Protein backbone atom coordinates (compact mmCIF):
# COMPACT_ATOMS: atom_id res chain seq x y z
CA MET A 1 8.39 0.02 -1.78
CA LEU A 2 8.24 0.05 2.01
CA VAL A 3 10.54 -2.08 3.91
CA LEU A 4 8.36 -5.00 5.21
CA GLN A 5 10.01 -4.85 8.57
CA THR A 6 8.71 -1.26 8.97
CA ILE A 7 5.15 -2.41 8.58
CA ARG A 8 5.70 -5.56 10.67
CA GLU A 9 7.27 -3.71 13.58
CA ASN A 10 4.71 -1.02 13.98
CA PRO A 11 1.70 -1.26 11.67
CA GLU A 12 -0.25 1.30 13.66
CA ALA A 13 2.43 3.93 13.20
CA ALA A 14 2.58 3.17 9.44
CA LEU A 15 -1.25 3.59 9.18
CA LYS A 16 -1.04 7.02 10.92
CA LEU A 17 1.66 8.23 8.52
CA LEU A 18 -0.22 6.89 5.47
CA ALA A 19 -3.29 8.77 6.63
CA ILE A 20 -1.37 12.03 6.29
CA LYS A 21 -1.25 11.12 2.51
CA ASN A 22 -4.96 10.49 2.62
CA PHE A 23 -4.34 6.81 2.09
CA ASP A 24 -6.52 4.34 3.89
CA GLY A 25 -4.08 1.46 4.40
CA LYS A 26 -6.03 -0.66 6.86
CA GLU A 27 -7.04 -3.36 4.36
CA ILE A 28 -3.77 -3.54 2.42
CA ILE A 29 -1.71 -3.51 5.50
CA GLN A 30 -3.63 -6.40 6.96
CA THR A 31 -3.30 -8.22 3.65
CA ILE A 32 0.47 -7.73 3.74
CA LEU A 33 0.74 -8.99 7.36
CA SER A 34 -1.41 -12.03 6.58
CA LEU A 35 0.57 -12.85 3.44
CA ASP A 36 3.86 -12.43 5.31
CA ASP A 37 2.59 -14.83 8.03
CA LYS A 38 1.58 -17.32 5.34
CA ARG A 39 4.99 -16.94 3.65
CA LYS A 40 6.83 -17.65 6.90
CA GLU A 41 4.58 -20.57 7.71
CA THR A 42 5.13 -22.11 4.25
CA GLN A 43 8.87 -21.57 4.53
CA LYS A 44 8.86 -23.36 7.96
CA MET A 45 6.97 -26.30 6.36
CA LEU A 46 9.50 -26.39 3.53
CA ASP A 47 12.34 -26.43 6.00
CA ASP A 48 10.75 -29.16 8.09
CA ASN A 49 10.07 -31.20 4.90
CA LEU A 50 13.74 -30.83 3.90
CA ALA A 51 14.98 -31.89 7.36
CA GLN A 52 12.71 -34.98 7.23
CA SER A 53 13.91 -35.87 3.76
CA ASN A 54 17.61 -35.57 4.88
CA THR A 55 16.96 -37.74 7.94
CA LEU A 56 15.20 -40.40 5.83
CA ALA A 57 18.00 -40.32 3.25
CA ARG A 58 20.57 -41.12 6.08
CA GLU A 59 18.31 -43.92 7.42
CA ILE A 60 17.79 -45.43 3.97
CA GLY A 61 21.55 -45.45 3.45
CA ILE A 62 22.14 -47.26 6.78
CA LEU A 63 19.44 -49.87 5.99
CA TYR A 64 20.98 -50.67 2.65
CA LYS A 65 24.36 -51.07 4.20
CA THR A 66 22.96 -53.53 6.82
CA GLY A 67 21.07 -55.57 4.20
CA LYS A 68 17.59 -54.35 5.10
CA ALA A 69 16.54 -53.51 1.55
CA ALA A 70 12.79 -54.16 2.24
CA GLU A 71 12.70 -51.64 5.07
CA ALA A 72 14.75 -49.22 2.96
CA SER A 73 12.13 -49.51 0.13
CA LEU A 74 9.37 -48.55 2.52
CA LEU A 75 11.18 -45.42 3.64
CA LYS A 76 11.85 -44.50 -0.03
CA GLU A 77 8.06 -44.35 -0.60
CA LYS A 78 7.91 -41.80 2.24
CA THR A 79 10.66 -39.77 0.57
CA SER A 80 8.65 -39.73 -2.60
CA GLN A 81 5.62 -38.42 -0.70
CA LEU A 82 7.86 -35.71 0.89
CA LYS A 83 9.07 -34.71 -2.55
CA GLU A 84 5.55 -34.27 -3.83
CA LEU A 85 4.58 -32.28 -0.79
CA ALA A 86 7.74 -30.06 -1.28
CA LYS A 87 6.67 -29.24 -4.84
CA GLU A 88 3.19 -28.24 -3.62
CA LEU A 89 4.67 -26.13 -0.79
CA SER A 90 7.20 -24.46 -3.19
CA THR A 91 4.31 -23.51 -5.54
CA ILE A 92 2.41 -22.02 -2.58
CA PHE A 93 5.56 -20.28 -1.26
CA GLU A 94 6.30 -18.58 -4.68
CA SER A 95 2.73 -17.54 -5.26
CA THR A 96 2.50 -16.09 -1.76
CA LYS A 97 5.75 -14.23 -2.21
CA LYS A 98 4.53 -12.76 -5.50
CA GLU A 99 1.23 -11.65 -3.92
CA LEU A 100 3.14 -10.07 -1.00
CA GLU A 101 5.43 -8.13 -3.40
CA GLU A 102 2.46 -6.97 -5.45
CA ALA A 103 0.65 -5.84 -2.24
CA LEU A 104 3.72 -3.83 -1.06
CA LEU A 105 3.95 -2.06 -4.44
CA LYS A 106 0.46 -0.65 -3.82
CA VAL A 107 1.46 1.12 -0.63
CA PRO A 108 2.87 4.60 -1.04
CA ASN A 109 5.92 5.87 0.81
CA LEU A 110 5.50 7.00 4.36
CA PRO A 111 5.76 10.77 4.68
CA HIS A 112 8.27 12.45 6.95
CA PRO A 113 6.75 13.00 10.46
CA SER A 114 6.97 16.78 9.83
CA ILE A 115 4.56 16.65 6.90
CA HIS A 116 1.22 18.04 7.79
CA HIS A 117 -2.12 16.62 6.69
CA GLY A 118 -3.77 18.28 3.68
CA LYS A 119 -5.83 17.39 0.67
CA THR A 120 -5.16 19.93 -2.11
CA PRO A 121 -2.33 22.25 -3.29
CA GLU A 122 -4.12 25.03 -1.35
CA ASP A 123 -2.96 23.22 1.85
CA ASN A 124 0.73 23.45 1.03
CA GLU A 125 2.89 25.62 3.20
CA ILE A 126 4.68 28.59 1.70
CA ILE A 127 8.04 28.62 3.40
CA HIS A 128 9.89 31.24 1.39
CA GLN A 129 9.25 33.87 -1.19
CA GLU A 130 11.59 36.41 -2.88
CA GLY A 131 11.82 38.69 -5.84
CA LEU A 132 9.72 41.53 -6.98
CA ILE A 133 6.46 40.77 -8.78
CA PRO A 134 6.60 42.56 -12.16
CA HIS A 135 3.87 45.17 -12.81
CA LEU A 136 3.24 44.99 -16.54
CA PRO A 137 1.32 47.56 -18.58
CA ILE A 138 -2.25 46.78 -19.41
CA THR A 139 -1.19 45.95 -22.94
CA ALA A 140 0.87 42.97 -21.65
CA ILE A 141 0.09 39.65 -23.25
CA PRO A 142 0.50 35.92 -22.18
CA HIS A 143 3.40 33.88 -23.44
CA TRP A 144 1.36 32.07 -26.08
CA ASP A 145 0.67 35.34 -27.78
CA LEU A 146 4.21 36.46 -27.33
CA ALA A 147 5.45 33.24 -28.93
CA SER A 148 3.27 33.95 -31.97
CA LYS A 149 4.13 37.61 -32.18
CA TYR A 150 7.95 36.97 -32.22
CA ASP A 151 7.76 33.70 -34.06
CA LEU A 152 9.27 31.76 -31.20
CA ILE A 153 6.96 28.75 -30.68
CA ASP A 154 4.41 27.31 -33.05
CA PHE A 155 1.62 25.40 -31.21
CA ALA A 156 -0.50 24.91 -34.33
CA LEU A 157 2.36 23.43 -36.28
CA GLY A 158 3.03 21.03 -33.41
CA ASN A 159 -0.56 20.02 -33.37
CA LYS A 160 -0.37 19.31 -37.11
CA ILE A 161 2.70 17.19 -36.87
CA SER A 162 1.91 15.23 -33.59
CA GLY A 163 -1.06 16.69 -31.67
CA ALA A 164 -1.88 19.14 -28.94
CA GLY A 165 0.95 19.41 -26.35
CA PHE A 166 3.82 18.96 -28.79
CA PRO A 167 5.00 22.53 -29.65
CA VAL A 168 7.60 23.41 -32.33
CA TYR A 169 10.30 25.88 -31.16
CA LYS A 170 11.65 28.11 -33.89
CA GLY A 171 14.47 30.62 -34.38
CA LYS A 172 15.26 32.50 -31.21
CA GLY A 173 12.68 30.31 -29.34
CA ALA A 174 14.74 27.17 -30.13
CA ARG A 175 17.94 29.00 -29.19
CA LEU A 176 16.47 30.05 -25.90
CA GLN A 177 15.62 26.41 -25.22
CA ARG A 178 19.20 25.39 -26.02
CA ALA A 179 20.65 28.24 -23.98
CA LEU A 180 18.59 27.30 -20.84
CA ILE A 181 19.63 23.60 -21.16
CA ASN A 182 23.26 24.49 -21.35
CA PHE A 183 23.00 27.07 -18.58
CA PHE A 184 21.39 24.54 -16.25
CA LEU A 185 23.88 21.82 -17.17
CA ASP A 186 27.01 24.01 -16.72
CA ARG A 187 25.66 25.25 -13.33
CA ALA A 188 25.17 21.70 -12.11
CA ILE A 189 28.55 20.53 -13.32
CA ASP A 190 30.12 23.42 -11.49
CA GLU A 191 28.24 22.21 -8.35
CA GLY A 192 29.90 18.75 -8.66
CA TYR A 193 27.19 16.89 -10.53
CA LYS A 194 28.35 14.31 -13.13
CA GLU A 195 26.65 14.69 -16.46
CA ILE A 196 24.75 11.74 -17.83
CA GLN A 197 23.04 11.33 -21.25
CA PRO A 198 20.39 8.69 -20.54
CA PRO A 199 18.07 6.65 -22.84
CA TYR A 200 14.61 8.01 -23.54
CA LEU A 201 13.04 4.56 -23.31
CA VAL A 202 13.13 2.30 -20.29
CA ASN A 203 12.03 -1.22 -19.53
CA ALA A 204 9.38 -2.05 -16.90
CA ALA A 205 11.92 -2.94 -14.35
CA SER A 206 13.17 0.69 -14.40
CA GLY A 207 9.64 2.04 -14.10
CA TYR A 208 8.97 -0.15 -11.06
CA GLY A 209 12.37 0.72 -9.57
CA THR A 210 11.65 4.49 -9.26
CA GLY A 211 7.93 3.93 -8.60
CA GLN A 212 6.30 5.24 -11.78
CA LEU A 213 4.91 1.72 -12.22
CA PRO A 214 2.31 0.64 -11.36
CA ASP A 215 1.25 4.00 -9.90
CA LYS A 216 1.59 6.13 -13.06
CA ASP A 217 1.04 3.46 -15.59
CA GLY A 218 -1.73 5.42 -17.34
CA GLN A 219 0.37 8.56 -17.65
CA MET A 220 3.30 6.96 -19.42
CA TYR A 221 3.58 6.40 -23.13
CA TYR A 222 4.10 2.79 -23.98
CA ALA A 223 5.63 1.00 -26.99
CA PRO A 224 3.96 -2.50 -26.64
CA LEU A 225 5.89 -4.09 -29.54
CA ASP A 226 9.12 -3.52 -27.63
CA ASP A 227 7.67 -3.52 -24.11
CA LEU A 228 9.31 -0.11 -23.41
CA TYR A 229 8.12 3.10 -21.93
CA LEU A 230 9.03 6.74 -22.91
CA ILE A 231 10.47 8.43 -19.85
CA PRO A 232 8.39 10.90 -17.96
CA THR A 233 11.61 12.39 -16.44
CA ALA A 234 15.32 11.70 -16.48
CA GLU A 235 14.96 10.61 -12.87
CA VAL A 236 13.88 7.16 -14.09
CA PRO A 237 16.95 6.15 -16.22
CA VAL A 238 19.42 8.02 -14.07
CA THR A 239 18.35 6.65 -10.68
CA ASN A 240 18.10 3.10 -12.24
CA ILE A 241 21.88 3.24 -13.01
CA TYR A 242 22.20 2.13 -9.40
CA ARG A 243 19.62 -0.74 -9.48
CA ASP A 244 21.05 -3.93 -8.05
CA VAL A 245 24.24 -2.07 -7.10
CA ILE A 246 26.09 -2.37 -3.79
CA LEU A 247 28.03 0.74 -2.82
CA LYS A 248 30.65 1.57 -0.24
CA GLU A 249 30.10 4.31 2.38
CA SER A 250 32.95 6.16 0.71
CA ASP A 251 30.99 6.36 -2.60
CA PHE A 252 28.58 8.92 -1.05
CA PRO A 253 27.42 11.38 -2.26
CA LEU A 254 26.68 10.30 -5.77
CA LYS A 255 25.58 13.32 -7.80
CA ASN A 256 24.29 13.07 -11.40
CA VAL A 257 22.73 15.63 -13.81
CA ALA A 258 20.95 14.84 -17.06
CA TYR A 259 19.08 16.71 -19.71
CA SER A 260 16.28 14.92 -21.47
CA SER A 261 12.96 15.39 -23.24
CA CYS A 262 10.19 14.13 -21.03
CA PHE A 263 6.97 12.48 -22.20
CA ARG A 264 3.69 12.52 -20.31
CA ARG A 265 0.17 11.74 -21.37
CA GLU A 266 -1.29 14.04 -18.83
CA ALA A 267 -4.66 12.32 -19.14
CA GLY A 268 -7.51 14.37 -17.76
CA SER A 269 -5.71 17.80 -17.98
CA TYR A 270 -7.88 20.59 -19.24
CA GLY A 271 -8.66 24.39 -18.83
CA LYS A 272 -6.26 27.23 -18.20
CA ASP A 273 -3.62 24.91 -16.79
CA VAL A 274 -2.90 23.43 -20.27
CA ARG A 275 -2.77 26.72 -22.28
CA GLY A 276 0.43 27.31 -24.17
CA LEU A 277 3.52 25.94 -22.33
CA ASN A 278 1.62 25.37 -19.08
CA ARG A 279 1.18 21.64 -19.58
CA LEU A 280 2.75 19.66 -22.42
CA HIS A 281 3.01 16.02 -23.55
CA GLN A 282 6.66 16.52 -24.51
CA PHE A 283 9.00 19.02 -22.81
CA ASP A 284 12.64 19.50 -21.95
CA LYS A 285 14.01 19.28 -18.42
CA VAL A 286 17.38 19.16 -16.62
CA GLU A 287 17.25 16.71 -13.67
CA ILE A 288 19.49 16.41 -10.66
CA VAL A 289 19.71 13.06 -8.82
CA GLN A 290 21.59 12.25 -5.62
CA ILE A 291 22.29 8.91 -3.92
CA SER A 292 22.81 9.67 -0.29
CA HIS A 293 23.85 8.09 3.01
CA PRO A 294 20.64 7.77 5.03
CA GLU A 295 22.04 9.99 7.88
CA ARG A 296 22.61 12.84 5.46
CA SER A 297 19.67 12.73 3.11
CA TYR A 298 17.71 15.56 4.65
CA GLU A 299 20.77 17.87 4.60
CA VAL A 300 21.19 16.89 0.94
CA LEU A 301 17.49 17.76 0.32
CA GLU A 302 18.19 21.31 1.78
CA GLU A 303 21.30 21.66 -0.32
CA MET A 304 19.31 20.77 -3.43
CA ARG A 305 16.61 23.33 -2.50
CA THR A 306 19.26 26.08 -2.07
CA TYR A 307 20.83 25.13 -5.41
CA VAL A 308 17.60 25.36 -7.33
CA SER A 309 16.82 28.72 -5.63
CA GLY A 310 20.17 29.96 -6.99
CA LEU A 311 19.08 29.11 -10.50
CA LEU A 312 15.91 31.02 -10.24
CA ARG A 313 17.67 33.98 -8.67
CA ALA A 314 20.21 33.95 -11.51
CA LEU A 315 17.29 34.10 -14.02
CA GLU A 316 15.91 37.10 -12.15
CA LEU A 317 12.53 35.42 -11.63
CA PRO A 318 10.35 36.01 -8.59
CA PHE A 319 9.79 32.63 -6.92
CA ARG A 320 8.45 30.89 -3.87
CA ILE A 321 9.05 27.57 -2.13
CA LEU A 322 6.28 25.36 -0.88
CA LYS A 323 6.49 22.39 1.37
CA LEU A 324 3.94 19.98 0.13
CA CYS A 325 1.20 18.67 2.40
CA GLY A 326 0.51 14.87 2.54
CA GLY A 327 -2.38 15.05 0.07
CA ASP A 328 -0.32 16.79 -2.64
CA MET A 329 2.80 14.62 -2.36
CA SER A 330 3.71 11.97 -4.90
CA PHE A 331 3.30 8.26 -4.26
CA THR A 332 7.01 7.74 -3.74
CA SER A 333 8.03 10.83 -1.88
CA ALA A 334 8.81 11.15 1.86
CA MET A 335 9.21 15.00 1.63
CA THR A 336 8.86 17.41 -1.32
CA TYR A 337 9.53 21.09 -1.93
CA ASP A 338 7.87 22.68 -5.02
CA MET A 339 9.44 25.76 -6.53
CA GLU A 340 7.12 28.13 -8.27
CA VAL A 341 7.73 31.27 -10.39
CA TYR A 342 5.38 34.09 -10.88
CA SER A 343 3.89 34.50 -14.37
CA ALA A 344 3.06 38.18 -14.66
CA ALA A 345 0.80 38.16 -17.68
CA GLN A 346 -1.15 35.09 -16.42
CA LYS A 347 -1.05 36.58 -12.86
CA ARG A 348 -0.46 33.20 -11.32
CA TRP A 349 2.30 31.03 -9.80
CA LEU A 350 3.69 28.19 -11.93
CA GLU A 351 5.42 25.17 -10.64
CA VAL A 352 8.90 24.72 -12.27
CA SER A 353 10.57 22.20 -9.94
CA SER A 354 9.83 19.51 -7.46
CA ILE A 355 12.64 18.45 -5.13
CA SER A 356 12.09 15.23 -3.18
CA ASN A 357 13.65 12.86 -0.79
CA PHE A 358 12.44 9.32 -1.22
CA GLU A 359 14.42 7.92 1.68
CA SER A 360 14.83 4.16 1.14
CA TYR A 361 11.56 3.66 -0.86
CA GLN A 362 13.10 3.63 -4.35
CA ALA A 363 16.28 1.97 -3.08
CA ASN A 364 14.29 -0.92 -1.63
CA ARG A 365 12.53 -1.41 -5.02
CA MET A 366 15.83 -1.33 -6.79
CA LYS A 367 17.92 -3.23 -4.31
CA LEU A 368 20.26 -0.25 -4.05
CA ARG A 369 22.38 -0.95 -1.04
CA TYR A 370 25.67 -0.07 0.61
CA LYS A 371 27.98 -1.77 3.17
CA ASP A 372 28.19 0.13 6.46
CA GLU A 373 31.42 0.25 8.56
CA THR A 374 30.50 -3.11 10.15
CA GLY A 375 30.01 -4.76 6.73
CA LYS A 376 26.25 -4.95 7.13
CA MET A 377 24.00 -4.28 4.07
CA GLN A 378 21.88 -1.10 4.30
CA LEU A 379 19.54 0.63 1.87
CA ALA A 380 20.73 3.96 0.49
CA HIS A 381 18.50 7.08 0.13
CA THR A 382 17.60 8.59 -3.17
CA LEU A 383 16.73 12.22 -4.04
CA ASN A 384 15.89 14.05 -7.15
CA GLY A 385 14.85 17.53 -8.33
CA SER A 386 14.05 19.53 -11.51
CA ALA A 387 16.86 21.91 -12.21
CA LEU A 388 14.96 23.00 -14.15
CA ALA A 389 11.90 22.25 -16.21
CA LEU A 390 11.91 24.49 -19.25
CA PRO A 391 8.30 25.21 -20.36
CA ARG A 392 7.07 27.26 -17.48
CA ILE A 393 10.47 28.96 -17.05
CA VAL A 394 10.25 30.02 -20.69
CA ALA A 395 6.69 31.21 -20.11
CA ALA A 396 7.68 33.34 -17.12
CA LEU A 397 10.77 34.69 -18.85
CA LEU A 398 8.80 35.80 -21.92
CA GLU A 399 5.89 37.27 -19.85
CA ASN A 400 7.81 38.91 -17.14
CA ASN A 401 10.42 40.57 -19.39
CA GLN A 402 8.22 41.91 -22.15
CA THR A 403 8.55 45.60 -23.08
CA ASP A 404 7.10 47.84 -25.75
CA LYS A 405 10.21 47.11 -27.81
CA GLY A 406 10.52 43.37 -27.28
CA ILE A 407 11.56 40.81 -24.64
CA LYS A 408 14.69 41.30 -22.55
CA ILE A 409 16.92 38.28 -21.89
CA PRO A 410 18.33 37.91 -18.33
CA GLU A 411 22.01 38.77 -18.12
CA ALA A 412 23.02 35.29 -17.03
CA LEU A 413 21.64 33.79 -20.27
CA VAL A 414 23.04 36.24 -22.83
CA ARG A 415 26.38 34.42 -23.28
CA TYR A 416 24.35 31.29 -23.99
CA THR A 417 21.76 32.78 -26.33
CA GLY A 418 24.10 35.11 -28.12
CA PHE A 419 21.49 37.86 -27.93
CA GLY A 420 20.08 40.05 -25.25
CA PHE A 421 16.84 41.00 -26.77
CA ILE A 422 13.98 39.49 -28.79
CA SER A 423 12.22 41.87 -31.15
CA GLU A 424 10.01 41.61 -34.22
CA THR A 425 12.90 42.77 -36.52
């Protein structure tokens, strides 16, 4: 949620930045300013009402002491009227405050000034690319066929048990999943991240805290009987650890890592993008989250980008880094880097990580603050990144490393898998 003061101080600047995200904020910004004016006016009327009531209470006391009971009774009638007016004003104030909060929730985060305008992923800026693109023989096949050939993943069985988008991993396919999770967790711990094992269901307050609600309400699985949501990413429960928390400057940086299954409805997804592991309703991911001092958050973003690059390098995967344009950024992000790996059999780039700085947007929703050196309360900055999402990593590993004899496992994973090759025997 944007800090109201940011909008109040320079609404035109806010509108220009929102336009970079292709968000027409004229109407909602005007609504916010009008509601804030109404809230302030109602608060002043309440304050004036209280001051009058206090003055009358003192006068009534003096009148009773001096034996002027009749005059005191008349003033008491006025105090009763003021009390009724206070009730009406309080109702208006609370209603206006709620409307203002709901309006603020509808405004996306302002992008960093360096973000360029764009509408589609094609407008994203490629800022780095490394690794050799594999040249596979004409007999090479995509990962969904490899998964069937080597009995690694059963998509049909998952469809039988749950539905499309819920694969069953088997044998060495399951072990490869576990190996990648442990590899990613160990690397993060070595990098100074504290491991967290979070719940997979969260309450609405957590969803609102990180911005999935109300923006992504339709994409989240919901358990209405318990009023709980299945997490779309470990970012939600891990970041909400710090909801309503007041930190000290010495607490920074806070670095957490968590493995979780992730659940996304992915409504409207279709075509080649959903084939095999490309887009799932349930998938595994290791997430890194940092809570940063505002002055260092963009340094931290670069550190996180470098860290994820190291993971892809260790897995021997060709990758590239994109800086997202305004139109392709999430509702809550101020700046995002996407990491993509090349899938040789599909001959396309697959996104495997998004690394984002949310600045104070999530912190403002969660009331995540810290005391600066003067003792003044300030909002912290939050960042998160996939390190990494497994499905498309697995897809690229299977496709890029296929040979006539089987699939070669990258050296960095062998001690985790317990095998260096996947064959039909």
